[in-house]
């Protein structure tokens, strides 16, 4: 048996490497796109409530959107929000599609359906973010903020809220003593 394993290892070492070469990415962060029902309300939630900064947005005309497979010839209005600085900053692109009314799905829990289900945002001060969100009428879900076990993230709290379209947003950060 050992000879068979050794022979297989030697044969593999003589072959070119079959593992994929590491991909070269100019940025190691990804941009997230989210279709919303009310662009201004959603931008306020993520900027005034959570603390994103807004960058200049852009529009995509109907023919280009159709040619790219984004929409059925409907134009897009996209507002770009950012966390961080420079090219590696995380970008959240909120968009409203002209002449449509998105149909919300079952968003009760993260296990309600498959696909991207929530955003996790690390915050420096949970209480400060919750105070800003409260001014927008946003309340934490269930019993959050809840302290995370020390073996997961010592001194950190998990708070779940919903954005204006009902998407789950997970906030993780400390609760400084005031």
Foldseek 3Di string as FASTA:
>chain_A
DVVVVVVVVVVQVVDPDPDDDDDDDPEPEDEAEDEDQDVVQLVCCCPQQVNWAWDDWDKAAQVRCVVVVNDNSWIKTWTWTWDDDDPHTYIYIYIYTPPDGDDDDPLPDQVPDDDDAEAEDEDAAPVVSQVSVVVVVKDWPDPPQDADPVVVPPQKTWTWTAGPSRGIYIYIYHHDDD
